[in-house]
C-alpha atoms as a PDB file:
ATOM      1  CA  UNK A   1      94.065 106.810 128.943  1.00  0.00           C
ATOM      2  CA  UNK A   2      94.061 104.967 125.115  1.00  0.00           C
ATOM      3  CA  UNK A   3      90.951 104.800 123.245  1.00  0.00           C
ATOM      4  CA  UNK A   4      92.196 101.432 121.045  1.00  0.00           C
ATOM      5  CA  UNK A   5      89.740  99.709 119.114  1.00  0.00           C
ATOM      6  CA  UNK A   6      90.657  95.980 119.283  1.00  0.00           C
ATOM      7  CA  UNK A   7      89.846  95.015 115.018  1.00  0.00           C
ATOM      8  CA  UNK A   8      91.655  98.051 113.998  1.00  0.00           C
ATOM      9  CA  UNK A   9      93.190  96.651 110.491  1.00  0.00           C
ATOM     10  CA  UNK A  10      96.607  94.953 110.854  1.00  0.00           C
ATOM     11  CA  UNK A  11      97.099  96.519 107.099  1.00  0.00           C
ATOM     12  CA  UNK A  12      96.972 100.265 106.991  1.00  0.00           C
ATOM     13  CA  UNK A  13      96.614 102.305 103.515  1.00  0.00           C
ATOM     14  CA  UNK A  14      98.775 105.435 104.816  1.00  0.00           C
ATOM     15  CA  UNK A  15     100.489 106.463 107.092  1.00  0.00           C
ATOM     16  CA  UNK A  16     101.517 110.498 107.526  1.00  0.00           C
ATOM     17  CA  UNK A  17     102.536 112.947 110.294  1.00  0.00           C
ATOM     18  CA  UNK A  18     100.623 116.139 111.333  1.00  0.00           C
ATOM     19  CA  UNK A  19     102.720 118.843 112.723  1.00  0.00           C
ATOM     20  CA  UNK A  20     100.671 119.277 115.947  1.00  0.00           C
ATOM     21  CA  UNK A  21     100.478 117.785 119.330  1.00  0.00           C
ATOM     22  CA  UNK A  22      98.342 114.690 120.160  1.00  0.00           C
ATOM     23  CA  UNK A  23      95.315 116.401 122.061  1.00  0.00           C
ATOM     24  CA  UNK A  24      95.408 119.390 119.055  1.00  0.00           C
ATOM     25  CA  UNK A  25      94.962 116.934 116.567  1.00  0.00           C
ATOM     26  CA  UNK A  26      92.581 115.013 118.420  1.00  0.00           C
ATOM     27  CA  UNK A  27      90.452 118.283 118.558  1.00  0.00           C
ATOM     28  CA  UNK A  28      91.214 119.324 114.729  1.00  0.00           C
ATOM     29  CA  UNK A  29      89.632 115.838 113.723  1.00  0.00           C
ATOM     30  CA  UNK A  30      86.849 115.752 116.050  1.00  0.00           C
ATOM     31  CA  UNK A  31      85.738 119.454 114.822  1.00  0.00           C
ATOM     32  CA  UNK A  32      85.340 117.915 111.300  1.00  0.00           C
ATOM     33  CA  UNK A  33      82.496 115.675 112.968  1.00  0.00           C
ATOM     34  CA  UNK A  34      78.877 116.572 111.020  1.00  0.00           C
ATOM     35  CA  UNK A  35      80.987 119.004 108.764  1.00  0.00           C
ATOM     36  CA  UNK A  36      79.145 119.277 105.526  1.00  0.00           C
ATOM     37  CA  UNK A  37      80.267 120.642 102.060  1.00  0.00           C
ATOM     38  CA  UNK A  38      79.310 120.607  98.374  1.00  0.00           C
ATOM     39  CA  UNK A  39      81.391 120.075  95.174  1.00  0.00           C
ATOM     40  CA  UNK A  40      80.869 119.633  91.799  1.00  0.00           C
ATOM     41  CA  UNK A  41      81.888 116.489  89.791  1.00  0.00           C
ATOM     42  CA  UNK A  42      81.287 116.476  86.399  1.00  0.00           C
ATOM     43  CA  UNK A  43      77.306 117.883  85.774  1.00  0.00           C
ATOM     44  CA  UNK A  44      76.547 116.896  89.061  1.00  0.00           C
ATOM     45  CA  UNK A  45      76.545 118.784  92.393  1.00  0.00           C
ATOM     46  CA  UNK A  46      77.552 116.186  95.396  1.00  0.00           C
ATOM     47  CA  UNK A  47      76.911 117.026  99.196  1.00  0.00           C
ATOM     48  CA  UNK A  48      79.868 115.391 101.430  1.00  0.00           C
ATOM     49  CA  UNK A  49      79.019 114.960 105.198  1.00  0.00           C
ATOM     50  CA  UNK A  50      81.498 113.499 107.633  1.00  0.00           C
ATOM     51  CA  UNK A  51      80.908 111.711 110.949  1.00  0.00           C
ATOM     52  CA  UNK A  52      83.730 111.181 113.472  1.00  0.00           C
ATOM     53  CA  UNK A  53      83.340 108.445 116.380  1.00  0.00           C
ATOM     54  CA  UNK A  54      85.997 107.524 118.836  1.00  0.00           C
ATOM     55  CA  UNK A  55      86.809 103.992 120.180  1.00  0.00           C
ATOM     56  CA  UNK A  56      85.052 103.172 123.750  1.00  0.00           C
ATOM     57  CA  UNK A  57      85.545 100.030 125.271  1.00  0.00           C
ATOM     58  CA  UNK A  58      88.118  98.460 122.539  1.00  0.00           C
ATOM     59  CA  UNK A  59      84.885  97.091 120.903  1.00  0.00           C
ATOM     60  CA  UNK A  60      82.379  99.862 119.856  1.00  0.00           C
ATOM     61  CA  UNK A  61      82.588 103.506 118.726  1.00  0.00           C
ATOM     62  CA  UNK A  62      80.511 106.512 119.936  1.00  0.00           C
ATOM     63  CA  UNK A  63      80.322 109.946 119.847  1.00  0.00           C
ATOM     64  CA  UNK A  64      83.377 112.436 121.161  1.00  0.00           C
ATOM     65  CA  UNK A  65      82.447 114.590 123.771  1.00  0.00           C
ATOM     66  CA  UNK A  66      84.209 117.530 125.287  1.00  0.00           C
ATOM     67  CA  UNK A  67      84.829 115.453 128.439  1.00  0.00           C
ATOM     68  CA  UNK A  68      87.099 113.617 126.139  1.00  0.00           C
ATOM     69  CA  UNK A  69      89.002 116.235 124.528  1.00  0.00           C
ATOM     70  CA  UNK A  70      90.129 117.868 127.627  1.00  0.00           C
ATOM     71  CA  UNK A  71      93.962 117.554 128.071  1.00  0.00           C
ATOM     72  CA  UNK A  72      95.144 114.527 129.744  1.00  0.00           C
ATOM     73  CA  UNK A  73      92.069 112.650 129.182  1.00  0.00           C
ATOM     74  CA  UNK A  74      93.512 110.663 126.293  1.00  0.00           C
ATOM     75  CA  UNK A  75      96.704 110.045 126.051  1.00  0.00           C
ATOM     76  CA  UNK A  76      99.277 107.719 123.793  1.00  0.00           C
ATOM     77  CA  UNK A  77      96.872 106.608 121.260  1.00  0.00           C
ATOM     78  CA  UNK A  78      93.381 106.925 119.818  1.00  0.00           C
ATOM     79  CA  UNK A  79      91.360 104.973 117.077  1.00  0.00           C
ATOM     80  CA  UNK A  80      88.525 107.035 115.248  1.00  0.00           C
ATOM     81  CA  UNK A  81      86.110 106.014 112.663  1.00  0.00           C
ATOM     82  CA  UNK A  82      85.354 108.709 110.238  1.00  0.00           C
ATOM     83  CA  UNK A  83      82.292 108.241 107.752  1.00  0.00           C
ATOM     84  CA  UNK A  84      82.360 110.136 105.125  1.00  0.00           C
ATOM     85  CA  UNK A  85      78.963 110.167 103.092  1.00  0.00           C
ATOM     86  CA  UNK A  86      78.374 111.781  99.570  1.00  0.00           C
ATOM     87  CA  UNK A  87      75.240 112.607  98.253  1.00  0.00           C
ATOM     88  CA  UNK A  88      74.119 113.517  94.279  1.00  0.00           C
ATOM     89  CA  UNK A  89      71.965 116.594  94.281  1.00  0.00           C
ATOM     90  CA  UNK A  90      69.622 116.191  91.538  1.00  0.00           C
ATOM     91  CA  UNK A  91      66.127 117.394  90.677  1.00  0.00           C
ATOM     92  CA  UNK A  92      64.393 114.395  92.500  1.00  0.00           C
ATOM     93  CA  UNK A  93      66.383 114.611  95.752  1.00  0.00           C
ATOM     94  CA  UNK A  94      69.260 113.422  97.427  1.00  0.00           C
ATOM     95  CA  UNK A  95      70.638 110.093  95.848  1.00  0.00           C
ATOM     96  CA  UNK A  96      73.148 108.290  97.963  1.00  0.00           C
ATOM     97  CA  UNK A  97      76.495 107.765  95.943  1.00  0.00           C
ATOM     98  CA  UNK A  98      79.114 106.743  98.388  1.00  0.00           C
ATOM     99  CA  UNK A  99      79.233 106.009 101.949  1.00  0.00           C
ATOM    100  CA  UNK A 100      83.018 105.137 102.808  1.00  0.00           C
ATOM    101  CA  UNK A 101      84.093 104.256 106.333  1.00  0.00           C
ATOM    102  CA  UNK A 102      88.082 104.976 107.315  1.00  0.00           C
ATOM    103  CA  UNK A 103      89.496 104.006 110.624  1.00  0.00           C
ATOM    104  CA  UNK A 104      92.425 106.216 111.856  1.00  0.00           C
ATOM    105  CA  UNK A 105      94.799 105.512 114.330  1.00  0.00           C
ATOM    106  CA  UNK A 106      96.394 108.647 116.349  1.00  0.00           C
ATOM    107  CA  UNK A 107      99.968 107.944 117.916  1.00  0.00           C
ATOM    108  CA  UNK A 108     101.242 110.322 120.238  1.00  0.00           C
ATOM    109  CA  UNK A 109     105.065 111.660 119.107  1.00  0.00           C
ATOM    110  CA  UNK A 110     105.503 114.700 121.147  1.00  0.00           C
ATOM    111  CA  UNK A 111     105.312 117.324 119.353  1.00  0.00           C
ATOM    112  CA  UNK A 112     103.955 115.866 116.406  1.00  0.00           C
ATOM    113  CA  UNK A 113     101.199 113.079 115.628  1.00  0.00           C
ATOM    114  CA  UNK A 114     101.095 110.159 113.748  1.00  0.00           C
ATOM    115  CA  UNK A 115      97.968 108.974 111.732  1.00  0.00           C
ATOM    116  CA  UNK A 116      97.607 105.489 110.176  1.00  0.00           C
ATOM    117  CA  UNK A 117      94.837 105.416 107.871  1.00  0.00           C
ATOM    118  CA  UNK A 118      92.879 102.360 106.761  1.00  0.00           C
ATOM    119  CA  UNK A 119      89.468 101.988 104.734  1.00  0.00           C
ATOM    120  CA  UNK A 120      87.077  99.445 105.580  1.00  0.00           C
ATOM    121  CA  UNK A 121      85.940  97.292 102.345  1.00  0.00           C
ATOM    122  CA  UNK A 122      87.648  97.711  99.042  1.00  0.00           C
ATOM    123  CA  UNK A 123      84.956  99.309  97.160  1.00  0.00           C
ATOM    124  CA  UNK A 124      84.991 102.764  94.795  1.00  0.00           C
ATOM    125  CA  UNK A 125      84.569 105.931  96.189  1.00  0.00           C
ATOM    126  CA  UNK A 126      87.263 107.773  98.433  1.00  0.00           C
ATOM    127  CA  UNK A 127      90.719 106.195  99.233  1.00  0.00           C
ATOM    128  CA  UNK A 128      93.373 106.842 102.080  1.00  0.00           C
ATOM    129  CA  UNK A 129      94.954 109.744 100.335  1.00  0.00           C
ATOM    130  CA  UNK A 130      91.403 111.658  99.745  1.00  0.00           C
ATOM    131  CA  UNK A 131      91.118 110.940 103.570  1.00  0.00           C
ATOM    132  CA  UNK A 132      94.411 112.479 104.450  1.00  0.00           C
ATOM    133  CA  UNK A 133      93.399 115.667 102.168  1.00  0.00           C
ATOM    134  CA  UNK A 134      90.080 115.834 103.907  1.00  0.00           C
ATOM    135  CA  UNK A 135      92.070 116.106 107.353  1.00  0.00           C
ATOM    136  CA  UNK A 136      94.689 118.593 105.856  1.00  0.00           C
ATOM    137  CA  UNK A 137      91.886 120.363 104.527  1.00  0.00           C
ATOM    138  CA  UNK A 138      92.841 120.307 100.905  1.00  0.00           C
ATOM    139  CA  UNK A 139      90.076 120.680  98.140  1.00  0.00           C
ATOM    140  CA  UNK A 140      89.827 117.437  96.439  1.00  0.00           C
END
């Protein structure tokens, strides 16, 4: 069954192919849910949190459960919403500096998976290439 969000943006910012099957790619990206990392930007220490959700009923997104990740449950295509929250760790506590939301469309192409990335809004912060690097595990 396809998991498609009917309001997925018509214009995508970046398209690329992952060298994994559809189900492997879905499990890999689902594994990024609630992942935290820290990095230094300039003189600040920044904590980055990711949250991954899947289209549920064509109109909303929800949590990815282990039942959804079983082989054959989701086929052909799936839309995901990935939220990336950046917090500056300062002496007084955590200060939010960015909350970027990306929409990902995964399309099954046999031995590989095509991924389209679209960013919600046009503000500063991360862009589609940064999201690709997060997905591929490359340091930013």
